[in-house]
Amino acid sequence: MLASVDNYIKKNQLFNSGSLLIVATSGGKDSMAMVHYLKQEGYKIIVAHCNFQLRGAASDTDQKFIQNYCEVHQLPFETSCFETEQLAKERKLSIQEAARELRYTFLEDLRKKHKANVIVTAHHLNDNIETLIFNLAKGTGIKGMRGMLPKKGHVVRPFLETSVHQIWDYMQGHHIQFREDASNALTKYDRNKIRHGIMPVLEEINNNLLDNFQEHFKRWLDIEAYHELILETWRKKLFIKKGNRIFISIGKLKQLDVNLSLLFELLAAYRFNAASVQDMIQSFDSKDAKFFESSTHELIKDRKFLILRDKEDNQEAPLHLVHRKTKKIKFGQDKILQLHLKPFKPSARMSSASKYAYIDAGLVNFPLILRKWEPGDYMYPFGLTKESGKPSKKKIGKMLRDEKLSHHEKEDTWVLCSGDKIVWLLGHRLDDRFKVTDQTQEVFELELK
C-alpha cells in the first residue's frame, strides 16, 4: 500500500516533504491509518478531530482516544465540540449535511491558524464508489460521474485509489489501534445502505469491481476535462455578465437548440437541479415572469432573458418585479414607487419633476425589474444627443458623479429595467429609448416617493 499511496501523492502533486498537513481524524480505521502513514513517512502533521456530540459518551471516548494517541506519539492535536443537532434544526439541514459543514469550516480555520498547506482526509476508493452510486441514485451530471477529486481547493485525498481491504491489511500489519463507530452499521443512513446492501451484491457479480471502478474514475476525469472546454464555449456564446448579474438570452437558447442536459450543466455550478432547469425550458414561450431559486442563487425568467444572481448579493439589494398591473412597490429603506398604466392622450399634462417618469408601455417588456444600479450600467439619457442628433450613451456612474451626489446617495440609487436595458434612473433621468411619442398608445406613469 505504501508505494501506491506515495506514487498517488506525487502523481497528483498533493503535497511535498516540507508541507504542513492538517489531518482530519475521526478515530476510525481509515483516518488512523492515514495518521500512522503520514507520521511514518516523516510528514509534519497536526491531528484534527471534530466531536459532533451525536453518540453520547462514545463521542467523548473517541476524542479521548485520539488525544491519548497524539500524546503518546508526540503529535500536535486540535479538537472542537459542536452542537450538531441544534445547528441542523436552525439551518434546516440533515445531520450529515450539518456535520460536513461544521467539519470543513473547522478544518479550514485550523489550516489558516497554523498556516498549513493542505487539509488531508482519509477518503478511499470504496468511499468514492459509494459516492458515485449515491449520485446516480439522486440524479447527477458529469461531476457526479467522476466522483471525488484527489485535490479540491486545500483538501487532498491521498487514499482515493486505495481500497478498504488494503487499508485493513495495513492496519493489521502495523497493529494500529482504532475506534469502531457503531453508527457505521446502521442502515438508516443512505451511505450505509449502499455499503452493506449494494456493494456486496456488486462484488458478487464482478470480482474485479474495484479495479473497474478505478478505471471508470480515470476515464471520467478525462471526459470532464473535455466537457469543461465545451461548456466554456457555450458560456461565451450565451452568458452576458453585467455587474453581479448574468443575462442569458432566451432567444439564443432557442435558436441554438440548447437542450435540457446542456442547460443543466451550465447552471449546475449555481446549484440548480434538473427539475428546475426543465421548468425553465418549459417557461420559455410564456410571457409571464417566472422565479427560480437554488440554495445559493436565484434566477428570474423575463420575456427575453434568464437573469441569474447570487442570493447573498440580493440580501443587500433585492430585485423587485414590476408587472403591468402593479400599483405600488415598497423598496429600499423608505422608498415607494407608485405606478399607473393608462391610455395615452397627447393633451394630458405630464410633470417635469424628477420624481415622475412617463414611459411608452408598448416599448417595454413586462415584468420590469427594479434594482440598485451597478458598476458598468449605462443608459441613453433623455435629452442627451450626439452631433448627429442620435441619442448618446452614458454610464450611470458618470451621471451620478456629474450630479455630485454623496457616497450614501450613490449607494441608494435605483434603476428600473426592461430586460437588460435601463428604462429610468429613479429620481434622475428617463432613457430616450422609452420616451413617450406621438405613436404611444399606453403610458406607464411612475412616481417616486
Protein backbone atom coordinates (compact mmCIF):
# COMPACT_ATOMS: atom_id res chain seq x y z
CA MET A 1 0.00 0.00 0.00
CA LEU A 2 2.77 2.45 0.90
CA ALA A 3 4.30 2.52 -2.58
CA SER A 4 0.94 3.07 -4.31
CA VAL A 5 0.00 5.92 -1.95
CA ASP A 6 3.44 7.53 -2.40
CA ASN A 7 3.03 7.40 -6.17
CA TYR A 8 -0.51 8.80 -5.97
CA ILE A 9 0.68 11.79 -3.88
CA LYS A 10 3.49 12.56 -6.33
CA LYS A 11 1.40 11.99 -9.47
CA ASN A 12 -1.33 14.39 -8.30
CA GLN A 13 1.08 16.82 -6.56
CA LEU A 14 -0.97 16.73 -3.36
CA PHE A 15 1.84 17.97 -1.11
CA ASN A 16 5.61 17.64 -0.65
CA SER A 17 8.01 16.66 2.12
CA GLY A 18 8.13 20.17 3.57
CA SER A 19 4.35 20.68 3.74
CA LEU A 20 2.45 21.15 6.99
CA LEU A 21 -0.68 18.98 6.95
CA ILE A 22 -3.95 19.22 8.91
CA VAL A 23 -5.15 15.60 9.14
CA ALA A 24 -8.89 15.10 9.68
CA THR A 25 -9.21 12.24 12.15
CA SER A 26 -12.33 10.50 13.46
CA GLY A 27 -10.54 7.68 15.28
CA GLY A 28 -11.79 5.05 12.82
CA LYS A 29 -9.74 2.68 10.67
CA ASP A 30 -9.25 4.93 7.67
CA SER A 31 -8.19 8.11 9.46
CA MET A 32 -5.95 6.30 11.97
CA ALA A 33 -4.25 4.52 9.06
CA MET A 34 -3.72 7.91 7.45
CA VAL A 35 -2.21 9.42 10.61
CA HIS A 36 0.12 6.42 11.02
CA TYR A 37 1.18 6.50 7.35
CA LEU A 38 1.94 10.24 7.32
CA LYS A 39 3.79 10.05 10.65
CA GLN A 40 5.84 7.07 9.46
CA GLU A 41 6.73 8.82 6.21
CA GLY A 42 8.05 11.81 8.14
CA TYR A 43 5.47 14.44 7.20
CA LYS A 44 4.73 17.33 9.56
CA ILE A 45 1.14 16.85 10.71
CA ILE A 46 -1.44 18.32 13.06
CA VAL A 47 -4.16 15.86 14.04
CA ALA A 48 -7.64 17.46 13.99
CA HIS A 49 -10.82 15.92 15.42
CA CYS A 50 -14.45 17.05 15.42
CA ASN A 51 -16.66 15.95 18.31
CA PHE A 52 -20.18 16.22 16.87
CA GLN A 53 -21.76 15.00 20.16
CA LEU A 54 -24.11 12.68 18.29
CA ARG A 55 -23.35 9.40 20.09
CA GLY A 56 -23.33 10.42 23.75
CA ALA A 57 -20.39 9.06 25.77
CA ALA A 58 -18.98 7.30 22.69
CA SER A 59 -18.25 10.66 21.04
CA ASP A 60 -16.26 11.82 24.06
CA THR A 61 -14.41 8.48 24.19
CA ASP A 62 -13.39 8.89 20.54
CA GLN A 63 -11.97 12.31 21.35
CA LYS A 64 -10.01 10.99 24.36
CA PHE A 65 -8.69 8.05 22.32
CA ILE A 66 -7.24 10.34 19.63
CA GLN A 67 -5.89 12.77 22.22
CA ASN A 68 -4.09 9.93 24.07
CA TYR A 69 -2.68 8.63 20.78
CA CYS A 70 -1.27 12.08 19.99
CA GLU A 71 0.25 12.42 23.45
CA VAL A 72 1.97 9.02 23.18
CA HIS A 73 3.31 9.76 19.69
CA GLN A 74 4.04 13.44 20.42
CA LEU A 75 1.74 14.80 17.72
CA PRO A 76 0.01 18.22 17.86
CA PHE A 77 -3.72 17.78 18.48
CA GLU A 78 -6.67 20.12 17.85
CA THR A 79 -10.33 19.41 18.61
CA SER A 80 -13.68 21.12 18.90
CA CYS A 81 -17.15 20.13 20.15
CA PHE A 82 -20.26 21.04 18.19
CA GLU A 83 -24.00 21.24 18.85
CA THR A 84 -24.64 19.44 15.57
CA GLU A 85 -28.32 18.60 16.04
CA GLN A 86 -29.15 22.17 17.03
CA LEU A 87 -27.32 23.59 14.00
CA ALA A 88 -29.12 21.14 11.71
CA LYS A 89 -32.51 22.32 13.01
CA GLU A 90 -31.59 26.01 12.77
CA ARG A 91 -30.33 25.74 9.18
CA LYS A 92 -32.86 23.10 8.10
CA LEU A 93 -30.11 20.63 7.17
CA SER A 94 -29.78 16.90 7.61
CA ILE A 95 -27.47 15.76 10.41
CA GLN A 96 -24.94 14.61 7.81
CA GLU A 97 -25.03 17.95 5.98
CA ALA A 98 -24.65 19.93 9.21
CA ALA A 99 -21.73 17.75 10.34
CA ARG A 100 -19.99 18.15 6.99
CA GLU A 101 -20.39 21.92 7.08
CA LEU A 102 -19.05 22.12 10.64
CA ARG A 103 -16.19 19.79 9.87
CA TYR A 104 -14.81 21.63 6.85
CA THR A 105 -15.25 25.06 8.42
CA PHE A 106 -13.30 23.87 11.50
CA LEU A 107 -10.55 22.30 9.35
CA GLU A 108 -10.17 25.38 7.16
CA ASP A 109 -9.96 27.63 10.23
CA LEU A 110 -7.19 25.39 11.57
CA ARG A 111 -5.36 25.48 8.25
CA LYS A 112 -5.35 29.27 8.33
CA LYS A 113 -4.45 29.43 12.03
CA HIS A 114 -1.37 27.19 11.61
CA LYS A 115 -0.59 28.40 8.07
CA ALA A 116 -0.75 24.78 6.93
CA ASN A 117 -0.54 23.86 3.26
CA VAL A 118 -3.42 21.41 2.97
CA ILE A 119 -6.17 19.50 4.79
CA VAL A 120 -5.83 15.71 4.46
CA THR A 121 -8.87 13.44 4.58
CA ALA A 122 -8.89 9.62 4.51
CA HIS A 123 -11.49 9.12 1.75
CA HIS A 124 -10.62 5.92 -0.09
CA LEU A 125 -11.64 4.05 -3.24
CA ASN A 126 -14.68 2.40 -1.64
CA ASP A 127 -15.89 5.81 -0.41
CA ASN A 128 -15.58 7.12 -3.95
CA ILE A 129 -17.59 4.22 -5.37
CA GLU A 130 -20.31 4.72 -2.75
CA THR A 131 -20.39 8.43 -3.65
CA LEU A 132 -20.85 7.57 -7.33
CA ILE A 133 -23.72 5.16 -6.60
CA PHE A 134 -25.32 7.75 -4.29
CA ASN A 135 -25.04 10.42 -7.03
CA LEU A 136 -26.58 8.09 -9.61
CA ALA A 137 -29.48 7.32 -7.30
CA LYS A 138 -30.19 11.00 -6.70
CA GLY A 139 -29.54 12.15 -10.26
CA THR A 140 -26.25 13.64 -11.38
CA GLY A 141 -24.21 15.22 -14.14
CA ILE A 142 -20.64 14.83 -15.33
CA LYS A 143 -19.12 15.87 -11.99
CA GLY A 144 -21.15 13.29 -10.13
CA MET A 145 -20.00 10.59 -12.55
CA ARG A 146 -16.30 11.31 -12.00
CA GLY A 147 -16.60 11.03 -8.21
CA MET A 148 -14.34 12.82 -5.75
CA LEU A 149 -11.20 14.64 -6.84
CA PRO A 150 -7.72 13.89 -5.44
CA LYS A 151 -7.43 17.60 -4.68
CA LYS A 152 -10.12 20.24 -4.36
CA GLY A 153 -9.07 23.62 -3.06
CA HIS A 154 -6.97 22.94 0.04
CA VAL A 155 -8.46 19.47 0.65
CA VAL A 156 -6.44 16.44 -0.53
CA ARG A 157 -7.27 12.71 -0.52
CA PRO A 158 -4.13 10.52 -0.69
CA PHE A 159 -6.09 7.24 -0.23
CA LEU A 160 -8.51 7.81 -3.10
CA GLU A 161 -7.09 4.91 -5.16
CA THR A 162 -6.62 2.70 -2.08
CA SER A 163 -9.29 0.12 -1.22
CA VAL A 164 -10.73 -0.50 2.22
CA HIS A 165 -9.20 -4.02 2.10
CA GLN A 166 -5.71 -2.57 1.53
CA ILE A 167 -6.19 -0.17 4.43
CA TRP A 168 -7.30 -3.00 6.71
CA ASP A 169 -4.25 -5.09 5.75
CA TYR A 170 -2.06 -2.08 6.55
CA MET A 171 -3.78 -1.63 9.92
CA GLN A 172 -3.22 -5.25 10.87
CA GLY A 173 0.36 -5.28 9.64
CA HIS A 174 1.26 -2.31 11.84
CA HIS A 175 -1.01 -3.20 14.80
CA ILE A 176 -2.74 0.19 14.61
CA GLN A 177 -5.48 0.76 17.18
CA PHE A 178 -8.73 2.45 16.21
CA ARG A 179 -12.27 3.20 17.39
CA GLU A 180 -15.25 1.49 15.78
CA ASP A 181 -18.18 3.83 15.11
CA ALA A 182 -21.34 1.81 15.82
CA SER A 183 -23.37 4.10 13.54
CA ASN A 184 -21.47 2.71 10.54
CA ALA A 185 -23.57 -0.44 10.85
CA LEU A 186 -26.92 1.37 10.92
CA THR A 187 -28.77 1.06 7.62
CA LYS A 188 -30.94 4.10 8.31
CA TYR A 189 -28.17 6.15 6.68
CA ASP A 190 -28.15 6.16 2.87
CA ARG A 191 -24.43 5.53 2.50
CA ASN A 192 -24.58 2.60 4.89
CA LYS A 193 -27.36 1.10 2.77
CA ILE A 194 -25.02 1.31 -0.21
CA ARG A 195 -22.05 -0.05 1.76
CA HIS A 196 -23.82 -3.02 3.34
CA GLY A 197 -26.60 -3.71 0.86
CA ILE A 198 -25.43 -2.78 -2.63
CA MET A 199 -21.64 -3.16 -2.65
CA PRO A 200 -21.58 -6.84 -1.59
CA VAL A 201 -24.04 -7.70 -4.38
CA LEU A 202 -21.97 -5.84 -6.99
CA GLU A 203 -18.81 -7.60 -5.82
CA GLU A 204 -20.59 -10.96 -6.23
CA ILE A 205 -21.42 -10.01 -9.82
CA ASN A 206 -17.90 -8.83 -10.61
CA ASN A 207 -14.77 -9.95 -8.75
CA ASN A 208 -12.82 -7.09 -10.33
CA LEU A 209 -15.34 -4.45 -9.28
CA LEU A 210 -12.87 -2.14 -7.51
CA ASP A 211 -10.37 -2.19 -10.39
CA ASN A 212 -13.15 -1.49 -12.88
CA PHE A 213 -14.43 1.46 -10.87
CA GLN A 214 -10.90 2.82 -10.54
CA GLU A 215 -10.61 2.81 -14.33
CA HIS A 216 -14.05 4.42 -14.53
CA PHE A 217 -12.92 7.37 -12.39
CA LYS A 218 -9.80 7.88 -14.53
CA ARG A 219 -11.86 7.88 -17.75
CA TRP A 220 -14.44 10.29 -16.38
CA LEU A 221 -11.78 12.73 -15.18
CA ASP A 222 -10.63 12.95 -18.80
CA ILE A 223 -14.22 13.21 -20.04
CA GLU A 224 -14.88 16.04 -17.60
CA ALA A 225 -11.85 17.97 -18.88
CA TYR A 226 -13.17 17.81 -22.48
CA HIS A 227 -16.67 18.58 -21.23
CA GLU A 228 -15.45 21.74 -19.46
CA LEU A 229 -13.91 23.00 -22.71
CA ILE A 230 -17.27 22.55 -24.45
CA LEU A 231 -19.17 24.25 -21.62
CA GLU A 232 -16.79 27.22 -21.68
CA THR A 233 -17.51 27.68 -25.39
CA TRP A 234 -21.25 27.72 -24.66
CA ARG A 235 -20.81 30.13 -21.74
CA LYS A 236 -19.06 32.61 -24.03
CA LYS A 237 -21.93 32.32 -26.50
CA LEU A 238 -24.76 32.60 -24.00
CA PHE A 239 -23.67 34.39 -20.79
CA ILE A 240 -23.56 38.18 -20.61
CA LYS A 241 -22.15 39.44 -17.29
CA LYS A 242 -23.40 42.83 -16.10
CA GLY A 243 -22.30 43.85 -12.64
CA ASN A 244 -23.15 40.96 -10.30
CA ARG A 245 -25.79 39.55 -12.64
CA ILE A 246 -25.61 37.17 -15.59
CA PHE A 247 -28.04 37.58 -18.51
CA ILE A 248 -28.74 34.52 -20.64
CA SER A 249 -30.62 35.21 -23.87
CA ILE A 250 -33.70 33.01 -24.23
CA GLY A 251 -33.71 33.75 -27.96
CA LYS A 252 -30.18 32.38 -28.34
CA LEU A 253 -31.02 29.33 -26.22
CA LYS A 254 -33.92 28.55 -28.54
CA GLN A 255 -32.01 29.39 -31.71
CA LEU A 256 -29.07 27.17 -30.72
CA ASP A 257 -31.49 24.42 -29.69
CA VAL A 258 -29.95 24.13 -26.23
CA ASN A 259 -31.34 21.01 -24.60
CA LEU A 260 -32.04 20.13 -21.00
CA SER A 261 -28.72 18.38 -20.40
CA LEU A 262 -26.60 21.30 -21.61
CA LEU A 263 -28.54 23.98 -19.75
CA PHE A 264 -28.43 21.80 -16.63
CA GLU A 265 -24.63 21.58 -16.89
CA LEU A 266 -24.36 25.35 -17.43
CA LEU A 267 -26.46 26.05 -14.34
CA ALA A 268 -25.19 23.20 -12.16
CA ALA A 269 -22.43 25.44 -10.80
CA TYR A 270 -25.22 27.63 -9.39
CA ARG A 271 -26.86 24.62 -7.67
CA PHE A 272 -29.96 24.36 -9.90
CA ASN A 273 -31.27 20.82 -10.25
CA ALA A 274 -32.60 19.07 -13.35
CA ALA A 275 -36.27 19.60 -12.37
CA SER A 276 -35.80 23.38 -12.08
CA VAL A 277 -33.99 23.54 -15.43
CA GLN A 278 -36.81 21.54 -17.04
CA ASP A 279 -39.34 24.08 -15.68
CA MET A 280 -37.21 26.94 -17.04
CA ILE A 281 -37.21 25.47 -20.55
CA GLN A 282 -40.96 24.90 -20.43
CA SER A 283 -41.45 28.57 -19.43
CA PHE A 284 -39.54 29.99 -22.43
CA ASP A 285 -42.66 30.64 -24.50
CA SER A 286 -44.63 32.16 -21.63
CA LYS A 287 -44.95 35.93 -21.40
CA ASP A 288 -45.19 35.77 -17.63
CA ALA A 289 -42.15 36.16 -15.39
CA LYS A 290 -41.01 33.09 -13.53
CA PHE A 291 -38.86 32.90 -10.42
CA PHE A 292 -36.48 30.03 -9.64
CA GLU A 293 -34.07 29.58 -6.77
CA SER A 294 -31.35 27.18 -5.67
CA SER A 295 -29.57 27.05 -2.34
CA THR A 296 -27.13 29.75 -3.47
CA HIS A 297 -28.69 31.63 -6.41
CA GLU A 298 -31.94 32.97 -7.79
CA LEU A 299 -32.99 33.23 -11.41
CA ILE A 300 -35.73 35.35 -12.97
CA LYS A 301 -37.10 34.46 -16.39
CA ASP A 302 -38.49 37.53 -18.12
CA ARG A 303 -39.57 37.64 -21.75
CA LYS A 304 -36.09 37.81 -23.25
CA PHE A 305 -33.61 36.73 -20.60
CA LEU A 306 -32.81 34.39 -17.77
CA ILE A 307 -31.33 36.73 -15.15
CA LEU A 308 -29.06 34.99 -12.66
CA ARG A 309 -27.81 36.45 -9.40
CA ASP A 310 -26.19 35.34 -6.15
CA LYS A 311 -28.57 35.25 -3.18
CA GLU A 312 -26.03 36.92 -0.89
CA ASP A 313 -25.97 39.96 -3.18
CA ASN A 314 -29.76 40.06 -3.10
CA GLN A 315 -29.88 40.27 0.69
CA GLU A 316 -28.46 43.77 0.40
CA ALA A 317 -30.01 44.79 -2.91
CA PRO A 318 -33.01 42.62 -3.84
CA LEU A 319 -34.70 42.57 -7.21
CA HIS A 320 -38.35 43.62 -7.47
CA LEU A 321 -40.59 42.60 -10.34
CA VAL A 322 -42.92 45.21 -11.81
CA HIS A 323 -45.88 43.73 -13.69
CA ARG A 324 -48.38 45.55 -15.94
CA LYS A 325 -50.93 45.61 -13.12
CA THR A 326 -48.51 46.54 -10.31
CA LYS A 327 -49.77 49.64 -8.45
CA LYS A 328 -47.22 50.16 -5.71
CA ILE A 329 -43.83 48.79 -4.64
CA LYS A 330 -42.07 49.46 -1.35
CA PHE A 331 -38.30 49.13 -1.67
CA GLY A 332 -35.08 50.22 -0.02
CA GLN A 333 -35.42 51.58 3.49
CA ASP A 334 -38.09 54.20 2.92
CA LYS A 335 -38.94 54.37 -0.79
CA ILE A 336 -42.24 53.83 -2.57
CA LEU A 337 -42.82 53.59 -6.31
CA GLN A 338 -46.39 54.21 -7.43
CA LEU A 339 -47.37 53.07 -10.91
CA HIS A 340 -50.35 53.71 -13.16
CA LEU A 341 -50.93 52.30 -16.66
CA LYS A 342 -53.38 54.26 -18.78
CA PRO A 343 -54.24 55.15 -22.39
CA PHE A 344 -52.09 57.97 -23.76
CA LYS A 345 -53.68 61.32 -24.58
CA PRO A 346 -51.40 63.90 -26.25
CA SER A 347 -53.26 66.63 -24.36
CA ALA A 348 -52.58 65.02 -20.96
CA ARG A 349 -50.42 67.00 -18.56
CA MET A 350 -47.05 65.41 -17.72
CA SER A 351 -44.98 66.75 -14.85
CA SER A 352 -41.33 67.61 -15.42
CA ALA A 353 -40.42 66.99 -11.78
CA SER A 354 -37.64 64.42 -11.33
CA LYS A 355 -39.78 62.21 -9.14
CA TYR A 356 -42.04 61.46 -12.13
CA ALA A 357 -41.37 59.40 -15.25
CA TYR A 358 -43.64 58.67 -18.22
CA ILE A 359 -42.81 55.57 -20.28
CA ASP A 360 -44.23 54.22 -23.52
CA ALA A 361 -45.67 50.94 -22.22
CA GLY A 362 -45.53 49.42 -25.71
CA LEU A 363 -41.72 49.67 -25.76
CA VAL A 364 -41.00 47.71 -22.57
CA ASN A 365 -41.16 44.00 -21.78
CA PHE A 366 -43.05 43.17 -18.61
CA PRO A 367 -42.22 42.36 -15.95
CA LEU A 368 -39.82 45.24 -15.44
CA ILE A 369 -37.06 44.82 -12.87
CA LEU A 370 -36.36 47.32 -10.11
CA ARG A 371 -32.86 47.08 -8.61
CA LYS A 372 -29.92 49.13 -7.35
CA TRP A 373 -27.55 50.43 -10.02
CA GLU A 374 -24.29 48.55 -10.53
CA PRO A 375 -20.87 49.42 -11.97
CA GLY A 376 -20.97 49.02 -15.74
CA ASP A 377 -24.62 50.11 -16.03
CA TYR A 378 -25.35 52.61 -18.78
CA MET A 379 -28.34 54.27 -20.45
CA TYR A 380 -29.26 56.77 -23.18
CA PRO A 381 -30.38 59.78 -21.09
CA PHE A 382 -33.38 61.64 -22.48
CA GLY A 383 -32.19 64.92 -23.98
CA LEU A 384 -28.54 63.89 -24.37
CA THR A 385 -27.72 63.62 -28.07
CA LYS A 386 -24.72 63.37 -30.39
CA GLU A 387 -23.97 65.97 -33.07
CA SER A 388 -25.87 63.73 -35.47
CA GLY A 389 -28.97 64.11 -33.31
CA LYS A 390 -28.95 60.46 -32.25
CA PRO A 391 -29.25 59.57 -28.52
CA SER A 392 -25.92 59.43 -26.69
CA LYS A 393 -24.89 56.65 -24.30
CA LYS A 394 -23.62 57.46 -20.80
CA LYS A 395 -22.56 55.32 -17.83
CA ILE A 396 -24.67 55.59 -14.69
CA GLY A 397 -21.58 56.06 -12.51
CA LYS A 398 -20.52 59.10 -14.59
CA MET A 399 -24.02 60.56 -14.41
CA LEU A 400 -24.08 60.28 -10.61
CA ARG A 401 -20.60 61.83 -10.32
CA ASP A 402 -21.68 64.71 -12.55
CA GLU A 403 -24.61 65.37 -10.23
CA LYS A 404 -22.14 65.45 -7.29
CA LEU A 405 -24.13 63.01 -5.18
CA SER A 406 -22.78 61.92 -1.79
CA HIS A 407 -21.48 58.38 -1.35
CA HIS A 408 -24.66 57.42 0.51
CA GLU A 409 -26.88 58.88 -2.22
CA LYS A 410 -24.97 56.98 -4.90
CA GLU A 411 -25.27 53.75 -2.91
CA ASP A 412 -29.02 54.24 -2.59
CA THR A 413 -29.76 54.93 -6.26
CA TRP A 414 -32.07 52.53 -8.11
CA VAL A 415 -32.83 51.75 -11.74
CA LEU A 416 -35.91 50.34 -13.49
CA CYS A 417 -35.03 47.91 -16.27
CA SER A 418 -36.70 46.21 -19.19
CA GLY A 419 -34.63 43.06 -19.61
CA ASP A 420 -31.02 44.26 -19.74
CA LYS A 421 -31.94 47.86 -20.73
CA ILE A 422 -32.31 50.63 -18.16
CA VAL A 423 -35.62 52.48 -18.56
CA TRP A 424 -35.37 55.01 -15.74
CA LEU A 425 -32.66 56.12 -13.33
CA LEU A 426 -35.10 56.76 -10.49
CA GLY A 427 -35.33 60.40 -9.49
CA HIS A 428 -32.87 61.46 -12.21
CA ARG A 429 -33.26 60.65 -15.90
CA LEU A 430 -35.50 58.68 -18.26
CA ASP A 431 -33.92 56.65 -21.07
CA ASP A 432 -34.54 58.12 -24.53
CA ARG A 433 -35.42 54.69 -25.96
CA PHE A 434 -38.61 54.51 -23.88
CA LYS A 435 -39.89 58.09 -24.12
CA VAL A 436 -43.48 58.93 -24.97
CA THR A 437 -44.05 59.94 -28.61
CA ASP A 438 -46.99 60.67 -30.90
CA GLN A 439 -47.15 56.93 -31.64
CA THR A 440 -47.57 56.00 -27.97
CA GLN A 441 -50.84 54.25 -27.18
CA GLU A 442 -50.35 53.42 -23.48
CA VAL A 443 -48.28 55.35 -20.97
CA PHE A 444 -46.80 53.94 -17.77
CA GLU A 445 -46.86 56.78 -15.25
CA LEU A 446 -44.34 56.38 -12.38
CA GLU A 447 -43.97 58.41 -9.22
CA LEU A 448 -41.11 58.03 -6.71
CA LYS A 449 -41.93 58.85 -3.10
